[in-house]
Protein backbone atom coordinates (compact mmCIF):
# COMPACT_ATOMS: atom_id res chain seq x y z
CA UNK A 1 122.61 147.79 70.49
CA UNK A 2 120.73 144.75 71.83
CA UNK A 3 117.71 143.10 70.26
CA UNK A 4 115.57 141.03 72.61
CA UNK A 5 114.13 137.85 71.10
CA UNK A 6 111.16 136.51 73.04
CA UNK A 7 109.79 133.06 72.32
CA UNK A 8 109.10 129.71 74.04
CA UNK A 9 109.40 126.06 72.95
CA UNK A 10 105.97 125.28 74.37
CA UNK A 11 104.29 127.40 71.70
CA UNK A 12 104.36 124.33 69.46
CA UNK A 13 102.05 122.48 71.87
CA UNK A 14 99.09 124.56 70.68
CA UNK A 15 98.47 122.70 67.45
CA UNK A 16 95.79 121.40 65.14
CA UNK A 17 97.14 119.56 62.09
CA UNK A 18 95.58 120.83 58.89
CA UNK A 19 94.53 124.13 60.45
CA UNK A 20 96.07 127.28 58.89
CA UNK A 21 97.39 128.39 62.31
CA UNK A 22 99.47 125.33 63.19
CA UNK A 23 102.70 124.73 65.08
CA UNK A 24 104.71 124.47 61.87
CA UNK A 25 104.37 128.20 61.33
CA UNK A 26 106.54 129.11 64.29
CA UNK A 27 108.78 126.09 63.84
CA UNK A 28 109.62 127.43 60.36
CA UNK A 29 110.51 130.80 61.90
CA UNK A 30 112.69 129.22 64.59
CA UNK A 31 114.52 127.17 61.96
CA UNK A 32 115.14 130.17 59.73
CA UNK A 33 116.42 132.35 62.56
CA UNK A 34 118.72 129.55 63.77
CA UNK A 35 120.07 128.58 60.34
CA UNK A 36 120.92 132.16 59.45
CA UNK A 37 122.65 132.80 62.77
CA UNK A 38 120.22 135.59 63.59
CA UNK A 39 118.88 134.01 66.77
CA UNK A 40 122.42 133.79 68.16
CA UNK A 41 122.90 137.53 67.60
CA UNK A 42 119.81 138.45 69.60
CA UNK A 43 119.36 138.14 73.36
CA UNK A 44 116.84 135.37 73.79
CA UNK A 45 114.38 135.39 76.64
CA UNK A 46 112.12 132.41 77.34
CA UNK A 47 108.64 133.84 77.78
CA UNK A 48 106.99 133.87 81.17
CA UNK A 49 103.18 133.71 81.50
CA UNK A 50 101.24 136.95 81.52
CA UNK A 51 99.50 137.65 84.81
CA UNK A 52 95.74 137.45 85.14
CA UNK A 53 95.81 140.88 86.75
CA UNK A 54 97.28 142.34 83.57
CA UNK A 55 95.00 140.35 81.27
CA UNK A 56 91.95 141.68 83.14
CA UNK A 57 92.86 145.14 81.86
CA UNK A 58 92.01 144.05 78.31
CA UNK A 59 89.73 141.01 78.78
CA UNK A 60 86.60 140.38 80.82
CA UNK A 61 86.94 138.13 83.89
CA UNK A 62 84.21 135.87 82.51
CA UNK A 63 86.14 135.22 79.31
CA UNK A 64 89.39 134.54 81.16
CA UNK A 65 87.56 132.04 83.38
CA UNK A 66 86.09 130.34 80.32
CA UNK A 67 89.49 130.10 78.66
CA UNK A 68 91.05 128.71 81.86
CA UNK A 69 88.35 126.05 82.01
CA UNK A 70 89.51 124.61 78.67
CA UNK A 71 92.59 123.20 80.43
CA UNK A 72 90.31 120.50 81.82
CA UNK A 73 89.16 119.39 78.37
CA UNK A 74 90.32 115.95 77.30
CA UNK A 75 90.53 116.75 73.60
CA UNK A 76 90.83 119.51 71.06
CA UNK A 77 87.67 121.63 70.75
CA UNK A 78 86.68 124.69 68.72
CA UNK A 79 85.66 127.89 70.46
CA UNK A 80 84.23 129.14 67.17
CA UNK A 81 84.39 128.09 63.53
CA UNK A 82 88.00 129.28 63.20
CA UNK A 83 89.56 129.06 66.66
CA UNK A 84 90.59 125.89 68.49
CA UNK A 85 91.96 125.01 71.91
CA UNK A 86 93.73 121.93 73.20
CA UNK A 87 94.12 121.07 76.89
CA UNK A 88 97.47 122.91 76.78
CA UNK A 89 96.25 126.00 74.93
CA UNK A 90 95.34 128.11 77.96
CA UNK A 91 98.87 127.84 79.36
CA UNK A 92 100.35 128.48 75.92
CA UNK A 93 98.17 131.55 75.44
CA UNK A 94 99.44 132.96 78.74
CA UNK A 95 102.99 132.37 77.51
CA UNK A 96 102.20 134.01 74.17
CA UNK A 97 100.94 137.20 75.79
CA UNK A 98 103.76 136.96 78.32
CA UNK A 99 106.39 136.80 75.58
CA UNK A 100 105.27 140.16 74.23
CA UNK A 101 105.16 141.61 77.75
CA UNK A 102 108.70 140.34 78.42
CA UNK A 103 110.01 141.93 75.23
CA UNK A 104 108.32 145.23 76.08
CA UNK A 105 109.74 145.07 79.61
CA UNK A 106 113.29 144.70 78.31
CA UNK A 107 112.90 147.56 75.84
CA UNK A 108 111.09 149.89 78.23
CA UNK A 109 113.73 149.33 80.94
CA UNK A 110 116.52 150.01 78.49
CA UNK A 111 117.94 146.49 78.78
CA UNK A 112 117.42 146.12 75.03
CA UNK A 113 117.15 148.63 72.22
CA UNK A 114 114.34 146.86 70.41
CA UNK A 115 112.62 143.50 70.28
CA UNK A 116 111.16 140.66 68.26
CA UNK A 117 108.41 138.51 69.80
CA UNK A 118 108.02 135.22 67.92
CA UNK A 119 104.86 134.05 69.66
CA UNK A 120 101.69 132.07 69.05
CA UNK A 121 98.77 131.71 69.21
CA UNK A 122 98.38 135.15 67.64
CA UNK A 123 96.35 137.85 69.34
CA UNK A 124 95.00 140.76 67.34
CA UNK A 125 91.52 139.26 66.71
CA UNK A 126 90.91 138.23 70.34
CA UNK A 127 88.06 140.35 71.65
CA UNK A 128 87.70 141.49 75.25
CA UNK A 129 85.02 138.86 75.84
CA UNK A 130 85.82 136.03 73.43
CA UNK A 131 88.34 134.24 71.26
CA UNK A 132 88.23 134.94 67.54
CA UNK A 133 90.13 134.39 64.31
CA UNK A 134 92.75 131.89 65.59
CA UNK A 135 93.47 134.26 68.53
CA UNK A 136 92.98 133.54 72.23
CA UNK A 137 94.43 136.55 74.10
CA UNK A 138 95.19 140.12 73.08
CA UNK A 139 98.97 139.74 73.20
CA UNK A 140 99.95 143.17 71.94
CA UNK A 141 97.13 144.93 73.77
CA UNK A 142 98.19 143.45 77.10
CA UNK A 143 101.78 144.47 76.45
CA UNK A 144 100.73 148.02 75.60
CA UNK A 145 98.80 148.29 78.83
CA UNK A 146 101.75 146.83 80.73
CA UNK A 147 104.05 149.47 79.23
CA UNK A 148 101.74 152.14 80.58
CA UNK A 149 101.15 150.65 84.02
CA UNK A 150 104.61 149.29 84.80
CA UNK A 151 106.77 151.86 83.01
CA UNK A 152 104.64 154.99 83.08
CA UNK A 153 104.46 155.48 79.33
CA UNK A 154 101.73 157.89 78.30
CA UNK A 155 101.57 157.31 74.54
CA UNK A 156 101.87 153.93 72.78
CA UNK A 157 101.54 153.54 69.01
CA UNK A 158 100.33 150.19 67.66
CA UNK A 159 100.75 149.63 63.92
CA UNK A 160 99.01 146.56 62.52
CA UNK A 161 99.78 145.53 58.94
CA UNK A 162 98.48 142.01 59.10
CA UNK A 163 96.26 141.60 56.03
CA UNK A 164 93.26 141.10 58.34
CA UNK A 165 91.91 143.96 60.44
CA UNK A 166 93.03 143.86 64.08
CA UNK A 167 89.52 144.13 65.45
CA UNK A 168 90.39 142.84 68.91
CA UNK A 169 93.17 145.36 69.48
CA UNK A 170 90.90 148.10 68.16
CA UNK A 171 88.10 147.15 70.55
CA UNK A 172 90.39 147.24 73.57
CA UNK A 173 91.53 150.82 72.93
CA UNK A 174 88.62 152.33 71.01
CA UNK A 175 87.89 154.93 73.70
CA UNK A 176 91.49 155.40 74.83
CA UNK A 177 93.50 158.43 73.63
CA UNK A 178 96.72 157.06 75.14
CA UNK A 179 97.00 154.38 72.43
CA UNK A 180 97.03 155.28 68.75
CA UNK A 181 95.96 152.24 66.71
CA UNK A 182 96.66 152.16 62.97
CA UNK A 183 95.54 149.22 60.84
CA UNK A 184 96.24 148.72 57.13
CA UNK A 185 94.20 145.75 55.96
CA UNK A 186 92.53 144.15 52.97
CA UNK A 187 88.82 144.85 52.56
CA UNK A 188 86.57 143.01 51.99
CA UNK A 189 88.11 140.21 54.03
CA UNK A 190 87.73 138.52 57.41
CA UNK A 191 86.65 139.75 59.95
CA UNK A 192 84.70 142.37 58.01
CA UNK A 193 85.54 145.21 60.39
CA UNK A 194 87.90 148.17 60.15
CA UNK A 195 85.84 150.73 58.25
CA UNK A 196 87.13 154.20 57.45
CA UNK A 197 84.49 155.69 59.73
CA UNK A 198 85.63 153.72 62.77
CA UNK A 199 87.87 156.43 64.22
CA UNK A 200 87.43 155.87 67.95
CA UNK A 201 84.83 157.13 70.39
CA UNK A 202 84.62 159.40 73.42
CA UNK A 203 88.07 160.59 74.48
CA UNK A 204 89.55 158.12 72.01
CA UNK A 205 87.93 159.74 68.98
CA UNK A 206 90.61 160.32 66.36
CA UNK A 207 93.02 157.79 67.87
CA UNK A 208 91.87 154.86 65.72
CA UNK A 209 93.01 154.95 62.09
CA UNK A 210 91.72 152.29 59.72
CA UNK A 211 93.04 152.06 56.17
CA UNK A 212 90.98 149.39 54.39
CA UNK A 213 92.36 148.66 50.92
CA UNK A 214 91.08 146.47 48.10
CA UNK A 215 93.02 143.42 46.84
CA UNK A 216 96.04 143.85 44.61
CA UNK A 217 98.16 146.47 46.36
CA UNK A 218 101.87 145.85 46.84
CA UNK A 219 105.23 147.35 47.73
CA UNK A 220 104.87 150.82 46.24
CA UNK A 221 101.41 151.32 47.72
CA UNK A 222 102.37 150.19 51.21
CA UNK A 223 105.46 152.40 51.08
CA UNK A 224 103.34 155.40 50.16
CA UNK A 225 100.88 154.64 52.97
CA UNK A 226 103.73 154.46 55.45
CA UNK A 227 105.17 157.77 54.30
CA UNK A 228 102.00 159.77 53.85
CA UNK A 229 99.71 158.33 56.51
CA UNK A 230 101.56 156.41 59.24
CA UNK A 231 104.52 158.79 59.50
CA UNK A 232 102.26 161.82 59.68
CA UNK A 233 100.05 160.28 62.33
CA UNK A 234 103.08 159.28 64.39
CA UNK A 235 104.57 162.76 64.12
CA UNK A 236 101.42 164.26 65.55
CA UNK A 237 101.08 161.60 68.29
CA UNK A 238 104.76 161.53 69.39
CA UNK A 239 104.79 157.94 70.71
CA UNK A 240 107.03 156.80 73.53
CA UNK A 241 106.89 153.17 72.34
CA UNK A 242 105.92 151.52 69.06
CA UNK A 243 104.41 148.04 68.97
CA UNK A 244 103.89 146.31 65.63
CA UNK A 245 101.41 143.55 64.80
CA UNK A 246 103.21 141.83 61.92
CA UNK A 247 101.22 139.60 59.62
CA UNK A 248 103.03 138.19 56.61
CA UNK A 249 99.69 137.29 55.01
CA UNK A 250 99.77 140.35 52.74
CA UNK A 251 102.61 138.62 50.84
CA UNK A 252 101.64 137.63 47.32
CA UNK A 253 102.11 133.91 48.05
CA UNK A 254 99.74 133.80 51.02
CA UNK A 255 96.79 131.42 50.52
CA UNK A 256 94.28 133.34 52.67
CA UNK A 257 94.40 136.81 51.08
CA UNK A 258 94.97 138.70 47.84
CA UNK A 259 97.61 141.38 48.41
CA UNK A 260 100.94 141.60 46.55
CA UNK A 261 103.64 142.60 49.00
CA UNK A 262 107.08 141.05 48.52
CA UNK A 263 109.62 140.27 51.21
CA UNK A 264 111.52 143.35 50.07
CA UNK A 265 108.39 145.44 50.54
CA UNK A 266 107.86 143.97 53.99
CA UNK A 267 111.44 144.82 54.93
CA UNK A 268 110.89 148.39 53.75
CA UNK A 269 107.91 148.70 56.12
CA UNK A 270 110.01 147.34 58.99
CA UNK A 271 112.82 149.78 58.19
CA UNK A 272 110.39 152.70 58.13
CA UNK A 273 108.95 151.76 61.53
CA UNK A 274 112.43 151.17 62.94
CA UNK A 275 113.45 154.62 61.73
CA UNK A 276 110.26 156.08 63.18
CA UNK A 277 111.08 154.59 66.57
CA UNK A 278 114.55 156.10 66.37
CA UNK A 279 113.09 159.52 65.70
CA UNK A 280 110.29 159.56 68.25
CA UNK A 281 111.00 157.10 71.06
CA UNK A 282 114.74 156.40 71.34
CA UNK A 283 114.42 153.29 69.17
CA UNK A 284 111.89 151.59 71.45
CA UNK A 285 110.00 149.23 69.16
CA UNK A 286 108.81 145.62 69.42
CA UNK A 287 107.62 143.58 66.44
CA UNK A 288 105.07 140.89 67.31
CA UNK A 289 104.22 137.91 65.10
CA UNK A 290 100.58 137.60 64.02
CA UNK A 291 99.40 135.94 60.77
CA UNK A 292 101.14 134.60 57.68
CA UNK A 293 100.33 131.20 56.23
CA UNK A 294 102.93 130.63 53.54
CA UNK A 295 105.83 129.25 55.59
CA UNK A 296 108.58 130.60 53.35
CA UNK A 297 107.15 134.12 53.27
CA UNK A 298 106.60 134.02 57.02
CA UNK A 299 110.01 132.67 57.98
CA UNK A 300 112.05 134.80 55.57
CA UNK A 301 109.97 137.82 56.57
CA UNK A 302 110.59 137.36 60.28
CA UNK A 303 114.29 136.87 59.57
CA UNK A 304 114.37 140.13 57.64
CA UNK A 305 112.78 141.94 60.59
CA UNK A 306 115.55 140.56 62.80
CA UNK A 307 118.10 141.93 60.32
CA UNK A 308 116.48 145.36 60.43
CA UNK A 309 116.47 145.40 64.23
CA UNK A 310 120.11 144.28 64.34
CA UNK A 311 121.12 147.07 61.96
CA UNK A 312 121.95 144.91 58.93
CA UNK A 313 121.63 146.31 55.43
CA UNK A 314 121.09 142.89 53.84
CA UNK A 315 117.58 141.73 52.98
CA UNK A 316 116.86 138.23 51.67
CA UNK A 317 114.02 137.82 49.17
CA UNK A 318 114.22 134.48 47.34
CA UNK A 319 110.52 134.62 46.46
CA UNK A 320 110.77 137.81 44.41
CA UNK A 321 107.85 139.65 42.85
CA UNK A 322 104.48 138.23 41.75
CA UNK A 323 105.10 136.36 38.48
CA UNK A 324 102.20 137.90 36.54
CA UNK A 325 103.75 141.39 36.53
CA UNK A 326 100.42 143.17 37.00
CA UNK A 327 100.56 146.82 38.01
CA UNK A 328 99.22 147.89 41.38
CA UNK A 329 95.97 149.85 41.60
CA UNK A 330 96.22 153.60 42.20
CA UNK A 331 96.82 154.20 45.91
CA UNK A 332 96.47 157.99 45.70
CA UNK A 333 92.70 158.11 46.38
CA UNK A 334 93.19 155.91 49.46
CA UNK A 335 95.88 158.22 50.82
CA UNK A 336 93.80 161.31 50.12
CA UNK A 337 90.83 159.82 51.98
CA UNK A 338 92.95 158.83 54.99
CA UNK A 339 94.51 162.28 55.13
CA UNK A 340 91.11 163.98 54.90
CA UNK A 341 89.40 161.85 57.56
CA UNK A 342 92.27 162.19 60.02
CA UNK A 343 93.52 165.69 59.16
CA UNK A 344 96.92 164.44 58.06
CA UNK A 345 97.47 166.76 55.10
CA UNK A 346 100.63 168.82 55.31
């Protein structure tokens, strides 16, 4: 069993000190993977830039031209209130999307069993025609389309459990029945999208599953959602590849949200998806880094995903459970609603 590990040292060049999405996020992940010996156990690939031809399958030419033009800027500028670019950011964004594509390539070819893409800037908020929410390019969306075009895969499942709704990924596949998109996210919260009723359109109707949940849910609730919603949807869809948008911002320590997952709970989600890939697509799964703004939660969480992919039983959770000991809200009504809307009752 081989786990591909896609990253690039230049990712740190996209940086704005004091911004939540800064270079130190990925540097903390690199350090944790190196110190634990996990990076040495994976097959590292240095990301290559995604092609413009591929990116045009998920982004408009006008937006790609605009993003390319930022390379001529002489200073850091904001594309919107949340999203910045430096003169190097366009090249780094190409490498970020390319890192996910490279990991998918290795897994789809059978050169690796599974993969971890430690990339930035993140991608799941990037819209077809604009940057958004710290994200410049649709990293995971481009990789999904590449898997279909280059490797002939007919059905790709994308599971997004970043605490923020993956509105960009959703927009890129909203009318596409070949990609099943499932997002579990806090609501209300940025970007304010991801309603229950957003289930896809046209031929893609029914292939977009949003599970918006209120603040306060944790390990038991996410585990139940995986078992009673995600597993059932995957069983019906029968994916040939699973791609995962991993945000560690649903951890209880994260400063930008209000969920209560622990590192142990995150590892349970990763194990469930890893098992799902083993059952439905010969283990073909790639985890892709998105959000997460507490550096310990992010770095330990990414290390635990590496352990899952490598087949280790050990999980490291030095942060433990939320100290207040509050019980989680009742997740049963959420599950019942998801099952009813998407005909997932068994």
